[in-house]
């Protein structure tokens, strides 16, 4: 006796079948580590396998990345797919409102919408650690970097945990700075600073004067179309979310002894 043939599948048995999505956690797509364990930053995030498209990957993780940034202070994304054209889009994923670079302190070029080159100094010069636009009345709470071409040697962009800097400063120094704050006197042009046209991105004196009034800065027009401004700014700042106090000023950058530091 032969075995009977297997029954035919019922008509339409597989018509209602649908592919089921597989949920992949962020941990399965990426891996994380701290670059410098002693300093505790930056947090390095990189794909666990094939390169991921950074903008799309980050779009659904805005709050997660924000919390990581609050914890570590800096994040380095490495090995993702992102070009110069997508860099601004990625930055806006986390920070929808990007600032204009007005009241400039360094020569830069705008290469995209609110995207600028790094300070265009000769390769032989270095920039001291500083706080972005702390001399201004309106500074960014986050700063984004994109490496279009890696340096063949050196060329690093070091970052510092300002919470530790503030803790290490002499209490007497901190007390004086916090009580008196910092006055910045800038003489635009004169062979020392940028021209006021470059700094304020306009040739209109009236616009410069209005900007100074809104930012609580004194201004004085000098002979030859030159400009001098004075403004008193904070020496320290408190993080708006964590409450951490940080050393936040440009005193060492704009001081007359800066060249000898």
Protein backbone atom coordinates (compact mmCIF):
# COMPACT_ATOMS: atom_id res chain seq x y z
CA UNK A 1 0.00 0.00 0.00
CA UNK A 2 1.37 3.37 -0.97
CA UNK A 3 1.24 6.45 1.22
CA UNK A 4 -1.52 8.84 0.28
CA UNK A 5 -0.57 12.13 -1.31
CA UNK A 6 -0.43 15.08 1.12
CA UNK A 7 -3.53 17.21 1.08
CA UNK A 8 -3.50 20.23 -1.16
CA UNK A 9 -3.27 23.57 0.65
CA UNK A 10 -6.55 25.34 1.03
CA UNK A 11 -7.14 28.05 -1.51
CA UNK A 12 -6.08 31.41 -0.27
CA UNK A 13 -4.23 29.88 2.68
CA UNK A 14 -1.25 32.22 2.21
CA UNK A 15 -3.02 35.21 0.75
CA UNK A 16 -3.46 36.90 4.11
CA UNK A 17 0.16 36.41 5.16
CA UNK A 18 2.05 39.63 5.77
CA UNK A 19 5.73 40.20 6.50
CA UNK A 20 6.30 40.99 10.16
CA UNK A 21 8.68 43.85 10.99
CA UNK A 22 11.59 43.01 13.24
CA UNK A 23 12.22 45.63 15.90
CA UNK A 24 15.90 46.50 16.18
CA UNK A 25 17.04 48.41 19.21
CA UNK A 26 19.48 51.30 19.00
CA UNK A 27 21.98 49.09 20.82
CA UNK A 28 21.83 46.47 18.07
CA UNK A 29 22.51 49.04 15.35
CA UNK A 30 25.26 50.99 17.08
CA UNK A 31 27.89 50.62 19.75
CA UNK A 32 29.06 53.27 22.20
CA UNK A 33 32.18 53.90 24.25
CA UNK A 34 33.83 56.79 26.06
CA UNK A 35 36.89 58.07 24.20
CA UNK A 36 38.80 59.16 27.31
CA UNK A 37 37.72 57.28 30.41
CA UNK A 38 39.78 59.56 32.67
CA UNK A 39 38.05 62.71 31.38
CA UNK A 40 34.67 61.06 30.82
CA UNK A 41 34.18 62.46 27.31
CA UNK A 42 33.39 62.43 24.50
CA UNK A 43 30.90 59.61 24.07
CA UNK A 44 31.69 57.85 20.77
CA UNK A 45 28.75 56.38 18.84
CA UNK A 46 29.43 54.28 15.72
CA UNK A 47 27.54 51.70 13.64
CA UNK A 48 27.83 48.12 14.86
CA UNK A 49 27.87 46.84 11.28
CA UNK A 50 27.41 48.54 7.95
CA UNK A 51 27.53 52.37 7.92
CA UNK A 52 24.21 53.98 8.80
CA UNK A 53 22.69 57.11 7.29
CA UNK A 54 23.14 59.56 10.17
CA UNK A 55 20.21 61.92 9.55
CA UNK A 56 17.64 59.13 9.37
CA UNK A 57 19.11 57.23 12.29
CA UNK A 58 19.14 60.29 14.56
CA UNK A 59 15.67 61.53 13.58
CA UNK A 60 13.86 59.16 15.96
CA UNK A 61 16.40 59.44 18.75
CA UNK A 62 16.39 63.15 19.49
CA UNK A 63 15.52 62.82 23.18
CA UNK A 64 17.91 59.91 23.70
CA UNK A 65 20.79 61.87 22.15
CA UNK A 66 19.87 64.97 24.14
CA UNK A 67 20.08 63.03 27.38
CA UNK A 68 23.42 61.52 26.40
CA UNK A 69 24.76 64.96 25.59
CA UNK A 70 23.65 66.26 28.99
CA UNK A 71 25.42 63.35 30.67
CA UNK A 72 28.70 63.30 28.74
CA UNK A 73 28.98 66.89 27.48
CA UNK A 74 30.17 65.87 23.99
CA UNK A 75 29.32 63.19 21.43
CA UNK A 76 31.48 62.01 18.53
CA UNK A 77 29.60 60.28 15.69
CA UNK A 78 32.02 58.12 13.73
CA UNK A 79 31.52 55.80 10.75
CA UNK A 80 28.08 57.10 9.72
CA UNK A 81 27.08 58.20 6.22
CA UNK A 82 26.76 61.98 6.20
CA UNK A 83 28.01 64.56 3.71
CA UNK A 84 28.44 68.29 3.83
CA UNK A 85 24.96 68.76 2.38
CA UNK A 86 23.35 66.65 5.13
CA UNK A 87 25.35 68.16 7.98
CA UNK A 88 22.99 71.09 8.51
CA UNK A 89 19.98 68.77 8.36
CA UNK A 90 21.52 66.55 11.02
CA UNK A 91 22.29 69.51 13.29
CA UNK A 92 18.69 70.72 12.98
CA UNK A 93 17.48 67.27 14.01
CA UNK A 94 18.74 68.06 17.51
CA UNK A 95 18.82 71.89 17.39
CA UNK A 96 16.07 73.15 15.06
CA UNK A 97 17.11 76.81 15.53
CA UNK A 98 20.68 77.58 14.44
CA UNK A 99 22.28 80.97 15.16
CA UNK A 100 23.79 83.43 12.72
CA UNK A 101 27.47 84.15 13.27
CA UNK A 102 27.22 87.86 13.99
CA UNK A 103 29.46 89.85 16.31
CA UNK A 104 32.28 87.76 14.93
CA UNK A 105 35.64 87.28 16.59
CA UNK A 106 37.40 85.16 13.94
CA UNK A 107 37.60 85.01 10.13
CA UNK A 108 35.20 82.41 8.74
CA UNK A 109 33.20 81.81 5.58
CA UNK A 110 29.58 80.73 5.39
CA UNK A 111 29.42 77.53 3.33
CA UNK A 112 25.77 76.69 3.99
CA UNK A 113 22.70 77.99 5.76
CA UNK A 114 24.14 78.78 9.22
CA UNK A 115 27.11 76.51 8.49
CA UNK A 116 30.57 78.10 8.61
CA UNK A 117 34.16 77.11 8.13
CA UNK A 118 36.33 76.72 11.18
CA UNK A 119 38.54 79.69 12.06
CA UNK A 120 40.72 80.33 9.04
CA UNK A 121 44.10 80.73 10.70
CA UNK A 122 47.44 79.60 9.22
CA UNK A 123 48.25 75.96 9.98
CA UNK A 124 51.16 76.97 12.19
CA UNK A 125 48.90 78.81 14.65
CA UNK A 126 46.75 77.25 17.34
CA UNK A 127 43.63 78.41 19.11
CA UNK A 128 43.44 78.27 22.89
CA UNK A 129 40.56 76.48 24.55
CA UNK A 130 37.64 78.88 24.76
CA UNK A 131 33.88 79.16 25.04
CA UNK A 132 32.05 79.86 21.80
CA UNK A 133 30.84 83.47 21.69
CA UNK A 134 30.87 83.92 25.48
CA UNK A 135 31.73 87.59 24.88
CA UNK A 136 28.37 88.07 23.14
CA UNK A 137 24.93 88.70 24.62
CA UNK A 138 23.57 85.72 22.67
CA UNK A 139 25.58 82.52 22.52
CA UNK A 140 24.78 78.99 21.27
CA UNK A 141 24.06 76.24 23.79
CA UNK A 142 25.47 73.60 21.44
CA UNK A 143 28.20 73.64 18.81
CA UNK A 144 28.51 71.21 15.91
CA UNK A 145 31.63 70.15 14.01
CA UNK A 146 31.96 68.32 10.70
CA UNK A 147 35.25 67.03 9.32
CA UNK A 148 35.25 67.43 5.53
CA UNK A 149 38.92 66.48 5.21
CA UNK A 150 40.97 64.96 7.99
CA UNK A 151 44.36 66.53 8.71
CA UNK A 152 47.36 64.45 7.64
CA UNK A 153 48.97 65.14 11.00
CA UNK A 154 47.76 66.70 14.24
CA UNK A 155 44.74 68.89 13.43
CA UNK A 156 42.73 67.69 16.43
CA UNK A 157 39.84 69.68 17.89
CA UNK A 158 40.19 69.12 21.65
CA UNK A 159 37.20 69.59 23.94
CA UNK A 160 37.22 70.41 27.63
CA UNK A 161 34.84 69.67 30.48
CA UNK A 162 34.23 73.18 31.84
CA UNK A 163 32.67 71.80 34.99
CA UNK A 164 36.11 70.47 35.96
CA UNK A 165 37.82 73.73 34.96
CA UNK A 166 35.54 75.73 37.24
CA UNK A 167 36.15 73.33 40.12
CA UNK A 168 39.93 73.63 39.77
CA UNK A 169 40.12 77.43 39.68
CA UNK A 170 41.31 79.32 42.74
CA UNK A 171 38.20 80.41 44.72
CA UNK A 172 39.66 83.93 45.11
CA UNK A 173 39.93 84.30 41.33
CA UNK A 174 36.40 83.04 40.83
CA UNK A 175 35.02 85.41 43.45
CA UNK A 176 36.55 88.49 41.79
CA UNK A 177 35.38 87.52 38.31
CA UNK A 178 31.88 86.65 39.47
CA UNK A 179 31.56 89.93 41.36
CA UNK A 180 33.05 92.28 38.75
CA UNK A 181 32.33 90.29 35.57
CA UNK A 182 34.34 90.98 32.37
CA UNK A 183 34.47 94.13 30.24
CA UNK A 184 35.39 93.63 26.60
CA UNK A 185 36.77 96.63 24.72
CA UNK A 186 37.14 96.01 21.00
CA UNK A 187 38.81 98.31 18.47
CA UNK A 188 37.70 97.06 15.07
CA UNK A 189 40.33 97.17 12.39
CA UNK A 190 43.46 99.04 13.53
CA UNK A 191 45.46 96.02 12.39
CA UNK A 192 44.44 94.01 15.48
CA UNK A 193 40.82 92.98 15.08
CA UNK A 194 38.43 92.30 12.23
CA UNK A 195 36.78 95.28 10.59
CA UNK A 196 33.38 96.23 11.97
CA UNK A 197 31.91 95.45 8.54
CA UNK A 198 33.10 91.84 8.88
CA UNK A 199 32.10 91.51 12.53
CA UNK A 200 28.54 92.77 12.11
CA UNK A 201 28.10 91.64 8.49
CA UNK A 202 26.90 95.02 7.25
CA UNK A 203 28.20 98.32 5.87
CA UNK A 204 25.35 100.26 7.48
CA UNK A 205 26.39 102.17 10.63
CA UNK A 206 22.77 102.51 11.72
CA UNK A 207 22.36 98.73 11.80
CA UNK A 208 25.52 98.39 13.89
CA UNK A 209 24.29 101.02 16.35
CA UNK A 210 20.90 99.30 16.67
CA UNK A 211 22.61 95.95 17.27
CA UNK A 212 24.76 97.49 20.01
CA UNK A 213 21.77 99.05 21.72
CA UNK A 214 19.87 95.75 21.70
CA UNK A 215 22.89 93.88 23.08
CA UNK A 216 23.65 96.47 25.80
CA UNK A 217 26.99 97.45 24.27
CA UNK A 218 28.41 100.99 24.21
CA UNK A 219 29.76 102.17 20.86
CA UNK A 220 32.02 105.00 19.76
CA UNK A 221 32.81 106.02 16.18
CA UNK A 222 36.39 107.15 15.73
CA UNK A 223 38.24 108.92 12.95
CA UNK A 224 38.73 107.13 9.68
CA UNK A 225 35.44 105.25 9.99
CA UNK A 226 36.75 103.11 12.84
CA UNK A 227 34.64 101.72 15.69
CA UNK A 228 35.19 100.94 19.37
CA UNK A 229 32.73 99.03 21.55
CA UNK A 230 32.53 98.29 25.27
CA UNK A 231 30.37 95.63 26.84
CA UNK A 232 30.23 93.92 30.22
CA UNK A 233 29.45 90.21 30.17
CA UNK A 234 29.27 87.32 32.60
CA UNK A 235 32.33 85.44 33.88
CA UNK A 236 30.49 82.22 34.71
CA UNK A 237 27.26 80.64 33.56
CA UNK A 238 24.84 78.00 34.84
CA UNK A 239 23.63 75.27 32.51
CA UNK A 240 19.91 75.85 31.89
CA UNK A 241 19.01 72.17 32.45
CA UNK A 242 21.62 70.60 34.73
CA UNK A 243 22.35 73.72 36.77
CA UNK A 244 26.10 73.03 36.55
CA UNK A 245 28.25 76.16 36.93
CA UNK A 246 30.95 76.64 34.29
CA UNK A 247 33.72 79.15 33.62
CA UNK A 248 32.29 81.07 30.67
CA UNK A 249 34.19 84.05 29.30
CA UNK A 250 36.81 85.19 26.79
CA UNK A 251 39.09 86.98 29.25
CA UNK A 252 42.16 84.93 28.35
CA UNK A 253 41.51 85.26 24.60
CA UNK A 254 41.08 89.05 24.41
CA UNK A 255 43.60 90.03 27.06
CA UNK A 256 46.65 92.11 26.09
CA UNK A 257 48.90 89.35 27.45
CA UNK A 258 47.14 86.70 25.40
CA UNK A 259 50.16 86.28 23.06
CA UNK A 260 52.33 85.19 25.98
CA UNK A 261 49.92 82.63 27.44
